[in-house]
Amino acid sequence: MAKLRITQIKSQIGQSQRHRGTLRALGLGRIGHTREHEESPVLAGMLRKVRHLVKIENA
């Protein structure tokens, strides 16, 4: 499995409760924080919901 590096680039203020929960589940909470996750269908769905708030790179 490939690893993805996910960085939060926009604030969660003003976003829906669902988007804030998704960021929390990804391990993000502040602008500039980065986490690495294994690529999976579940992760792809989460990233689709918050793609306007994060930057995704291959690790």
PDB file of N, CA and C in Angstrom:
ATOM      1  N   MET A   1       0.836  -1.191   0.000  1.00  0.00           N
ATOM      2  CA  MET A   1       0.000   0.000   0.000  1.00  0.00           C
ATOM      3  C   MET A   1       0.876   1.248   0.000  1.00  0.00           C
ATOM      4  N   ALA A   2       0.432   2.245  -0.729  1.00  0.00           N
ATOM      5  CA  ALA A   2       1.154   3.511  -0.780  1.00  0.00           C
ATOM      6  C   ALA A   2       0.786   4.370   0.420  1.00  0.00           C
ATOM      7  N   LYS A   3       1.706   5.222   0.809  1.00  0.00           N
ATOM      8  CA  LYS A   3       1.438   6.157   1.899  1.00  0.00           C
ATOM      9  C   LYS A   3       1.135   7.524   1.301  1.00  0.00           C
ATOM     10  N   LEU A   4       0.185   8.212   1.921  1.00  0.00           N
ATOM     11  CA  LEU A   4      -0.173   9.559   1.514  1.00  0.00           C
ATOM     12  C   LEU A   4       0.155  10.530   2.636  1.00  0.00           C
ATOM     13  N   ARG A   5       0.709  11.678   2.285  1.00  0.00           N
ATOM     14  CA  ARG A   5       0.983  12.739   3.250  1.00  0.00           C
ATOM     15  C   ARG A   5      -0.122  13.777   3.092  1.00  0.00           C
ATOM     16  N   ILE A   6      -0.864  14.013   4.169  1.00  0.00           N
ATOM     17  CA  ILE A   6      -2.016  14.906   4.139  1.00  0.00           C
ATOM     18  C   ILE A   6      -1.714  16.103   5.028  1.00  0.00           C
ATOM     19  N   THR A   7      -1.819  17.303   4.471  1.00  0.00           N
ATOM     20  CA  THR A   7      -1.538  18.536   5.190  1.00  0.00           C
ATOM     21  C   THR A   7      -2.769  19.423   5.155  1.00  0.00           C
ATOM     22  N   GLN A   8      -3.171  19.951   6.304  1.00  0.00           N
ATOM     23  CA  GLN A   8      -4.306  20.873   6.357  1.00  0.00           C
ATOM     24  C   GLN A   8      -3.829  22.242   5.906  1.00  0.00           C
ATOM     25  N   ILE A   9      -4.526  22.830   4.917  1.00  0.00           N
ATOM     26  CA  ILE A   9      -4.106  24.122   4.370  1.00  0.00           C
ATOM     27  C   ILE A   9      -5.129  25.224   4.608  1.00  0.00           C
ATOM     28  N   LYS A  10      -6.343  24.855   5.007  1.00  0.00           N
ATOM     29  CA  LYS A  10      -7.376  25.859   5.281  1.00  0.00           C
ATOM     30  C   LYS A  10      -8.011  25.572   6.633  1.00  0.00           C
ATOM     31  N   SER A  11      -8.583  26.607   7.219  1.00  0.00           N
ATOM     32  CA  SER A  11      -9.194  26.497   8.531  1.00  0.00           C
ATOM     33  C   SER A  11     -10.490  25.701   8.487  1.00  0.00           C
ATOM     34  N   GLN A  12     -10.799  25.054   9.607  1.00  0.00           N
ATOM     35  CA  GLN A  12     -12.059  24.338   9.717  1.00  0.00           C
ATOM     36  C   GLN A  12     -13.178  25.244  10.244  1.00  0.00           C
ATOM     37  N   ILE A  13     -12.846  26.468  10.610  1.00  0.00           N
ATOM     38  CA  ILE A  13     -13.860  27.410  11.083  1.00  0.00           C
ATOM     39  C   ILE A  13     -14.822  27.701   9.934  1.00  0.00           C
ATOM     40  N   GLY A  14     -16.095  27.619  10.219  1.00  0.00           N
ATOM     41  CA  GLY A  14     -17.105  27.887   9.205  1.00  0.00           C
ATOM     42  C   GLY A  14     -17.498  26.664   8.396  1.00  0.00           C
ATOM     43  N   GLN A  15     -16.836  25.541   8.639  1.00  0.00           N
ATOM     44  CA  GLN A  15     -17.158  24.309   7.927  1.00  0.00           C
ATOM     45  C   GLN A  15     -18.239  23.548   8.693  1.00  0.00           C
ATOM     46  N   SER A  16     -18.853  22.597   8.026  1.00  0.00           N
ATOM     47  CA  SER A  16     -19.905  21.816   8.668  1.00  0.00           C
ATOM     48  C   SER A  16     -19.303  20.911   9.746  1.00  0.00           C
ATOM     49  N   GLN A  17     -20.153  20.462  10.651  1.00  0.00           N
ATOM     50  CA  GLN A  17     -19.730  19.560  11.720  1.00  0.00           C
ATOM     51  C   GLN A  17     -19.140  18.277  11.130  1.00  0.00           C
ATOM     52  N   ARG A  18     -19.688  17.845  10.024  1.00  0.00           N
ATOM     53  CA  ARG A  18     -19.214  16.629   9.357  1.00  0.00           C
ATOM     54  C   ARG A  18     -17.778  16.795   8.850  1.00  0.00           C
ATOM     55  N   HIS A  19     -17.469  17.953   8.263  1.00  0.00           N
ATOM     56  CA  HIS A  19     -16.121  18.204   7.764  1.00  0.00           C
ATOM     57  C   HIS A  19     -15.135  18.309   8.920  1.00  0.00           C
ATOM     58  N   ARG A  20     -15.532  18.965  10.003  1.00  0.00           N
ATOM     59  CA  ARG A  20     -14.649  19.078  11.165  1.00  0.00           C
ATOM     60  C   ARG A  20     -14.369  17.703  11.761  1.00  0.00           C
ATOM     61  N   GLY A  21     -15.383  16.850  11.801  1.00  0.00           N
ATOM     62  CA  GLY A  21     -15.192  15.495  12.307  1.00  0.00           C
ATOM     63  C   GLY A  21     -14.262  14.678  11.434  1.00  0.00           C
ATOM     64  N   THR A  22     -14.370  14.863  10.128  1.00  0.00           N
ATOM     65  CA  THR A  22     -13.496  14.150   9.199  1.00  0.00           C
ATOM     66  C   THR A  22     -12.043  14.580   9.395  1.00  0.00           C
ATOM     67  N   LEU A  23     -11.804  15.881   9.563  1.00  0.00           N
ATOM     68  CA  LEU A  23     -10.439  16.355   9.814  1.00  0.00           C
ATOM     69  C   LEU A  23      -9.903  15.767  11.117  1.00  0.00           C
ATOM     70  N   ARG A  24     -10.734  15.712  12.137  1.00  0.00           N
ATOM     71  CA  ARG A  24     -10.335  15.149  13.425  1.00  0.00           C
ATOM     72  C   ARG A  24      -9.966  13.669  13.265  1.00  0.00           C
ATOM     73  N   ALA A  25     -10.759  12.948  12.485  1.00  0.00           N
ATOM     74  CA  ALA A  25     -10.499  11.524  12.262  1.00  0.00           C
ATOM     75  C   ALA A  25      -9.203  11.310  11.479  1.00  0.00           C
ATOM     76  N   LEU A  26      -8.839  12.271  10.659  1.00  0.00           N
ATOM     77  CA  LEU A  26      -7.585  12.188   9.907  1.00  0.00           C
ATOM     78  C   LEU A  26      -6.384  12.560  10.775  1.00  0.00           C
ATOM     79  N   GLY A  27      -6.634  13.091  11.964  1.00  0.00           N
ATOM     80  CA  GLY A  27      -5.553  13.487  12.858  1.00  0.00           C
ATOM     81  C   GLY A  27      -5.099  14.910  12.653  1.00  0.00           C
ATOM     82  N   LEU A  28      -5.936  15.703  12.000  1.00  0.00           N
ATOM     83  CA  LEU A  28      -5.597  17.095  11.731  1.00  0.00           C
ATOM     84  C   LEU A  28      -6.444  17.998  12.620  1.00  0.00           C
ATOM     85  N   GLY A  29      -5.975  19.204  12.859  1.00  0.00           N
ATOM     86  CA  GLY A  29      -6.740  20.113  13.687  1.00  0.00           C
ATOM     87  C   GLY A  29      -6.324  21.554  13.507  1.00  0.00           C
ATOM     88  N   ARG A  30      -5.120  21.746  12.984  1.00  0.00           N
ATOM     89  CA  ARG A  30      -4.636  23.105  12.789  1.00  0.00           C
ATOM     90  C   ARG A  30      -3.990  23.225  11.417  1.00  0.00           C
ATOM     91  N   ILE A  31      -4.007  24.420  10.891  1.00  0.00           N
ATOM     92  CA  ILE A  31      -3.392  24.675   9.588  1.00  0.00           C
ATOM     93  C   ILE A  31      -1.894  24.360   9.682  1.00  0.00           C
ATOM     94  N   GLY A  32      -1.394  23.659   8.695  1.00  0.00           N
ATOM     95  CA  GLY A  32       0.022  23.322   8.629  1.00  0.00           C
ATOM     96  C   GLY A  32       0.366  21.967   9.208  1.00  0.00           C
ATOM     97  N   HIS A  33      -0.551  21.334   9.931  1.00  0.00           N
ATOM     98  CA  HIS A  33      -0.274  20.008  10.484  1.00  0.00           C
ATOM     99  C   HIS A  33      -0.332  18.960   9.390  1.00  0.00           C
ATOM    100  N   THR A  34       0.545  17.972   9.499  1.00  0.00           N
ATOM    101  CA  THR A  34       0.673  16.926   8.487  1.00  0.00           C
ATOM    102  C   THR A  34       0.602  15.556   9.145  1.00  0.00           C
ATOM    103  N   ARG A  35      -0.065  14.632   8.478  1.00  0.00           N
ATOM    104  CA  ARG A  35      -0.142  13.239   8.927  1.00  0.00           C
ATOM    105  C   ARG A  35       0.064  12.336   7.723  1.00  0.00           C
ATOM    106  N   GLU A  36       0.606  11.152   7.965  1.00  0.00           N
ATOM    107  CA  GLU A  36       0.760  10.153   6.909  1.00  0.00           C
ATOM    108  C   GLU A  36      -0.196   9.000   7.180  1.00  0.00           C
ATOM    109  N   HIS A  37      -0.888   8.547   6.142  1.00  0.00           N
ATOM    110  CA  HIS A  37      -1.838   7.451   6.239  1.00  0.00           C
ATOM    111  C   HIS A  37      -1.619   6.487   5.083  1.00  0.00           C
ATOM    112  N   GLU A  38      -1.949   5.212   5.315  1.00  0.00           N
ATOM    113  CA  GLU A  38      -1.940   4.218   4.245  1.00  0.00           C
ATOM    114  C   GLU A  38      -3.129   4.474   3.324  1.00  0.00           C
ATOM    115  N   GLU A  39      -2.912   4.346   2.032  1.00  0.00           N
ATOM    116  CA  GLU A  39      -3.973   4.545   1.050  1.00  0.00           C
ATOM    117  C   GLU A  39      -4.998   3.416   1.167  1.00  0.00           C
ATOM    118  N   SER A  40      -6.280   3.778   1.210  1.00  0.00           N
ATOM    119  CA  SER A  40      -7.355   2.798   1.297  1.00  0.00           C
ATOM    120  C   SER A  40      -8.637   3.425   0.764  1.00  0.00           C
ATOM    121  N   PRO A  41      -9.643   2.624   0.463  1.00  0.00           N
ATOM    122  CA  PRO A  41     -10.917   3.174  -0.004  1.00  0.00           C
ATOM    123  C   PRO A  41     -11.587   4.065   1.040  1.00  0.00           C
ATOM    124  N   VAL A  42     -11.454   3.716   2.314  1.00  0.00           N
ATOM    125  CA  VAL A  42     -12.039   4.539   3.379  1.00  0.00           C
ATOM    126  C   VAL A  42     -11.367   5.907   3.410  1.00  0.00           C
ATOM    127  N   LEU A  43     -10.038   5.918   3.328  1.00  0.00           N
ATOM    128  CA  LEU A  43      -9.292   7.178   3.332  1.00  0.00           C
ATOM    129  C   LEU A  43      -9.659   8.022   2.111  1.00  0.00           C
ATOM    130  N   ALA A  44      -9.817   7.388   0.958  1.00  0.00           N
ATOM    131  CA  ALA A  44     -10.176   8.114  -0.265  1.00  0.00           C
ATOM    132  C   ALA A  44     -11.518   8.822  -0.098  1.00  0.00           C
ATOM    133  N   GLY A  45     -12.483   8.176   0.539  1.00  0.00           N
ATOM    134  CA  GLY A  45     -13.777   8.796   0.773  1.00  0.00           C
ATOM    135  C   GLY A  45     -13.684   9.972   1.717  1.00  0.00           C
ATOM    136  N   MET A  46     -12.865   9.837   2.761  1.00  0.00           N
ATOM    137  CA  MET A  46     -12.687  10.937   3.710  1.00  0.00           C
ATOM    138  C   MET A  46     -12.038  12.139   3.027  1.00  0.00           C
ATOM    139  N   LEU A  47     -11.037  11.866   2.215  1.00  0.00           N
ATOM    140  CA  LEU A  47     -10.333  12.961   1.538  1.00  0.00           C
ATOM    141  C   LEU A  47     -11.224  13.649   0.507  1.00  0.00           C
ATOM    142  N   ARG A  48     -12.126  12.895  -0.097  1.00  0.00           N
ATOM    143  CA  ARG A  48     -13.057  13.489  -1.056  1.00  0.00           C
ATOM    144  C   ARG A  48     -13.948  14.523  -0.367  1.00  0.00           C
ATOM    145  N   LYS A  49     -14.323  14.275   0.885  1.00  0.00           N
ATOM    146  CA  LYS A  49     -15.194  15.193   1.630  1.00  0.00           C
ATOM    147  C   LYS A  49     -14.494  16.494   2.003  1.00  0.00           C
ATOM    148  N   VAL A  50     -13.191  16.437   2.264  1.00  0.00           N
ATOM    149  CA  VAL A  50     -12.475  17.626   2.745  1.00  0.00           C
ATOM    150  C   VAL A  50     -11.363  18.058   1.791  1.00  0.00           C
ATOM    151  N   ARG A  51     -11.491  17.719   0.521  1.00  0.00           N
ATOM    152  CA  ARG A  51     -10.413  18.020  -0.436  1.00  0.00           C
ATOM    153  C   ARG A  51     -10.134  19.512  -0.564  1.00  0.00           C
ATOM    154  N   HIS A  52     -11.109  20.371  -0.216  1.00  0.00           N
ATOM    155  CA  HIS A  52     -10.913  21.811  -0.300  1.00  0.00           C
ATOM    156  C   HIS A  52     -10.146  22.351   0.912  1.00  0.00           C
ATOM    157  N   LEU A  53      -9.906  21.516   1.924  1.00  0.00           N
ATOM    158  CA  LEU A  53      -9.221  21.946   3.145  1.00  0.00           C
ATOM    159  C   LEU A  53      -7.821  21.361   3.289  1.00  0.00           C
ATOM    160  N   VAL A  54      -7.479  20.379   2.456  1.00  0.00           N
ATOM    161  CA  VAL A  54      -6.204  19.674   2.631  1.00  0.00           C
ATOM    162  C   VAL A  54      -5.413  19.622   1.329  1.00  0.00           C
ATOM    163  N   LYS A  55      -4.111  19.352   1.494  1.00  0.00           N
ATOM    164  CA  LYS A  55      -3.220  19.105   0.362  1.00  0.00           C
ATOM    165  C   LYS A  55      -2.757  17.668   0.499  1.00  0.00           C
ATOM    166  N   ILE A  56      -2.788  16.913  -0.604  1.00  0.00           N
ATOM    167  CA  ILE A  56      -2.467  15.488  -0.578  1.00  0.00           C
ATOM    168  C   ILE A  56      -1.232  15.245  -1.452  1.00  0.00           C
ATOM    169  N   GLU A  57      -0.241  14.554  -0.879  1.00  0.00           N
ATOM    170  CA  GLU A  57       0.981  14.222  -1.619  1.00  0.00           C
ATOM    171  C   GLU A  57       1.309  12.761  -1.379  1.00  0.00           C
ATOM    172  N   ASN A  58       2.060  12.161  -2.289  1.00  0.00           N
ATOM    173  CA  ASN A  58       2.583  10.808  -2.066  1.00  0.00           C
ATOM    174  C   ASN A  58       3.771  10.914  -1.116  1.00  0.00           C
ATOM    175  N   ALA A  59       3.857   9.989  -0.184  1.00  0.00           N
ATOM    176  CA  ALA A  59       4.952  10.025   0.803  1.00  0.00           C
ATOM    177  C   ALA A  59       6.105   9.159   0.344  1.00  0.00           C
TER     178      ALA A  59
END
